Amino acid sequence: MISKWRTLLYQGKPLIQVDLFFSNLLREVPNQQKEKLNATVIEALPDTTFKVQLEDGREVLAYLAGKMRMNYIKVMIGDRVAVELSPDGLRGRIVYRY
């Protein structure tokens, strides 16, 4: 099989070369929906990272979503939040504070 390469440009400068065959394969994979659960913040850690307890009792490490950082939304211990879990269920992203 012969691969075709395409150079992606950014502001007129070469950024990266992409194998068109593999990029087409990657585009066919559907986006996975992230599982969104309610949780309570139990510990604040450095760099806007929090330990949260999900409603089912599990504790996961979660970081603050970019939109919440940009809008200076503060999250404190005891706040109820919505968390999007990663596919492995060990880490999450806080996307909403109730």
C-alpha atoms as a PDB file:
ATOM      1  CA  MET A   1       0.000   0.000   0.000  1.00  0.00           C
ATOM      2  CA  ILE A   2       1.266   3.467  -0.896  1.00  0.00           C
ATOM      3  CA  SER A   3       0.781   6.208   1.652  1.00  0.00           C
ATOM      4  CA  LYS A   4       0.219   9.824   0.699  1.00  0.00           C
ATOM      5  CA  TRP A   5       1.687  12.537   2.881  1.00  0.00           C
ATOM      6  CA  ARG A   6       0.247  15.992   3.339  1.00  0.00           C
ATOM      7  CA  THR A   7       2.065  18.866   5.038  1.00  0.00           C
ATOM      8  CA  LEU A   8      -0.125  20.968   7.317  1.00  0.00           C
ATOM      9  CA  LEU A   9       0.792  24.649   7.391  1.00  0.00           C
ATOM     10  CA  TYR A  10       0.388  27.174  10.186  1.00  0.00           C
ATOM     11  CA  GLN A  11       0.840  30.824   9.208  1.00  0.00           C
ATOM     12  CA  GLY A  12       2.659  29.727   6.073  1.00  0.00           C
ATOM     13  CA  LYS A  13       5.189  27.526   7.908  1.00  0.00           C
ATOM     14  CA  PRO A  14       5.198  23.706   7.815  1.00  0.00           C
ATOM     15  CA  LEU A  15       3.751  22.396  11.048  1.00  0.00           C
ATOM     16  CA  ILE A  16       3.451  18.619  10.690  1.00  0.00           C
ATOM     17  CA  GLN A  17       3.310  15.922   8.034  1.00  0.00           C
ATOM     18  CA  VAL A  18       0.259  13.678   8.140  1.00  0.00           C
ATOM     19  CA  ASP A  19      -0.201  10.280   6.557  1.00  0.00           C
ATOM     20  CA  LEU A  20      -3.542  10.663   4.745  1.00  0.00           C
ATOM     21  CA  PHE A  21      -4.366   6.940   4.944  1.00  0.00           C
ATOM     22  CA  PHE A  22      -4.142   6.821   8.742  1.00  0.00           C
ATOM     23  CA  SER A  23      -5.821  10.207   9.240  1.00  0.00           C
ATOM     24  CA  ASN A  24      -8.856   8.908   7.295  1.00  0.00           C
ATOM     25  CA  LEU A  25      -8.971   5.865   9.563  1.00  0.00           C
ATOM     26  CA  LEU A  26      -8.876   8.078  12.634  1.00  0.00           C
ATOM     27  CA  ARG A  27     -11.723  10.237  11.340  1.00  0.00           C
ATOM     28  CA  GLU A  28     -14.008   7.203  11.007  1.00  0.00           C
ATOM     29  CA  VAL A  29     -13.789   6.392  14.735  1.00  0.00           C
ATOM     30  CA  PRO A  30     -16.806   7.983  16.468  1.00  0.00           C
ATOM     31  CA  ASN A  31     -16.301  10.342  19.394  1.00  0.00           C
ATOM     32  CA  GLN A  32     -16.993   8.629  22.698  1.00  0.00           C
ATOM     33  CA  GLN A  33     -19.518  10.320  24.963  1.00  0.00           C
ATOM     34  CA  LYS A  34     -18.008  11.091  28.321  1.00  0.00           C
ATOM     35  CA  GLU A  35     -19.951   9.902  31.341  1.00  0.00           C
ATOM     36  CA  LYS A  36     -21.200  12.915  33.357  1.00  0.00           C
ATOM     37  CA  LEU A  37     -21.839  12.363  37.072  1.00  0.00           C
ATOM     38  CA  ASN A  38     -22.621  14.519  40.104  1.00  0.00           C
ATOM     39  CA  ALA A  39     -19.983  14.717  42.825  1.00  0.00           C
ATOM     40  CA  THR A  40     -18.899  16.599  45.940  1.00  0.00           C
ATOM     41  CA  VAL A  41     -15.485  18.216  46.345  1.00  0.00           C
ATOM     42  CA  ILE A  42     -13.674  16.719  49.352  1.00  0.00           C
ATOM     43  CA  GLU A  43     -10.128  18.076  48.932  1.00  0.00           C
ATOM     44  CA  ALA A  44      -8.454  20.943  47.076  1.00  0.00           C
ATOM     45  CA  LEU A  45      -5.038  20.171  45.558  1.00  0.00           C
ATOM     46  CA  PRO A  46      -2.521  22.405  43.715  1.00  0.00           C
ATOM     47  CA  ASP A  47      -3.057  23.583  40.108  1.00  0.00           C
ATOM     48  CA  THR A  48      -6.880  23.629  40.209  1.00  0.00           C
ATOM     49  CA  THR A  49      -6.996  19.896  40.850  1.00  0.00           C
ATOM     50  CA  PHE A  50      -9.539  18.460  43.271  1.00  0.00           C
ATOM     51  CA  LYS A  51     -10.354  15.151  44.863  1.00  0.00           C
ATOM     52  CA  VAL A  52     -14.085  14.552  44.441  1.00  0.00           C
ATOM     53  CA  GLN A  53     -16.438  11.891  45.746  1.00  0.00           C
ATOM     54  CA  LEU A  54     -18.956  10.635  43.214  1.00  0.00           C
ATOM     55  CA  GLU A  55     -22.536   9.821  44.170  1.00  0.00           C
ATOM     56  CA  ASP A  56     -21.743   6.108  44.028  1.00  0.00           C
ATOM     57  CA  GLY A  57     -18.972   6.545  46.646  1.00  0.00           C
ATOM     58  CA  ARG A  58     -15.894   6.408  44.422  1.00  0.00           C
ATOM     59  CA  GLU A  59     -13.184   9.049  44.837  1.00  0.00           C
ATOM     60  CA  VAL A  60     -11.520  10.393  41.690  1.00  0.00           C
ATOM     61  CA  LEU A  61      -9.012  13.103  40.852  1.00  0.00           C
ATOM     62  CA  ALA A  62     -10.607  15.910  38.812  1.00  0.00           C
ATOM     63  CA  TYR A  63      -9.292  19.119  37.284  1.00  0.00           C
ATOM     64  CA  LEU A  64     -11.163  22.328  36.544  1.00  0.00           C
ATOM     65  CA  ALA A  65     -12.409  22.752  32.957  1.00  0.00           C
ATOM     66  CA  GLY A  66     -10.945  25.567  30.864  1.00  0.00           C
ATOM     67  CA  LYS A  67     -14.219  27.516  30.607  1.00  0.00           C
ATOM     68  CA  MET A  68     -14.497  27.548  34.386  1.00  0.00           C
ATOM     69  CA  ARG A  69     -10.917  28.839  34.684  1.00  0.00           C
ATOM     70  CA  MET A  70     -11.514  31.566  32.101  1.00  0.00           C
ATOM     71  CA  ASN A  71     -14.646  32.788  33.893  1.00  0.00           C
ATOM     72  CA  TYR A  72     -12.982  32.666  37.342  1.00  0.00           C
ATOM     73  CA  ILE A  73     -15.546  30.257  38.792  1.00  0.00           C
ATOM     74  CA  LYS A  74     -14.362  29.322  42.259  1.00  0.00           C
ATOM     75  CA  VAL A  75     -14.752  25.788  43.598  1.00  0.00           C
ATOM     76  CA  MET A  76     -14.449  25.093  47.309  1.00  0.00           C
ATOM     77  CA  ILE A  77     -14.543  22.052  49.560  1.00  0.00           C
ATOM     78  CA  GLY A  78     -18.140  20.854  49.956  1.00  0.00           C
ATOM     79  CA  ASP A  79     -19.372  22.230  46.604  1.00  0.00           C
ATOM     80  CA  ARG A  80     -21.546  19.989  44.451  1.00  0.00           C
ATOM     81  CA  VAL A  81     -20.175  19.728  40.904  1.00  0.00           C
ATOM     82  CA  ALA A  82     -20.762  17.881  37.639  1.00  0.00           C
ATOM     83  CA  VAL A  83     -17.787  15.760  36.532  1.00  0.00           C
ATOM     84  CA  GLU A  84     -17.063  14.239  33.117  1.00  0.00           C
ATOM     85  CA  LEU A  85     -15.213  10.969  33.673  1.00  0.00           C
ATOM     86  CA  SER A  86     -12.449   9.628  31.472  1.00  0.00           C
ATOM     87  CA  PRO A  87     -13.067   6.242  29.815  1.00  0.00           C
ATOM     88  CA  ASP A  88     -10.995   4.470  32.491  1.00  0.00           C
ATOM     89  CA  GLY A  89     -13.017   6.150  35.262  1.00  0.00           C
ATOM     90  CA  LEU A  90      -9.982   7.215  37.324  1.00  0.00           C
ATOM     91  CA  ARG A  91      -9.772  10.892  36.372  1.00  0.00           C
ATOM     92  CA  GLY A  92     -12.312  13.553  35.561  1.00  0.00           C
ATOM     93  CA  ARG A  93     -12.971  17.140  34.559  1.00  0.00           C
ATOM     94  CA  ILE A  94     -15.204  19.470  36.595  1.00  0.00           C
ATOM     95  CA  VAL A  95     -17.541  21.097  34.077  1.00  0.00           C
ATOM     96  CA  TYR A  96     -20.248  22.674  36.273  1.00  0.00           C
ATOM     97  CA  ARG A  97     -20.698  23.936  39.838  1.00  0.00           C
ATOM     98  CA  TYR A  98     -24.204  23.814  41.311  1.00  0.00           C
END
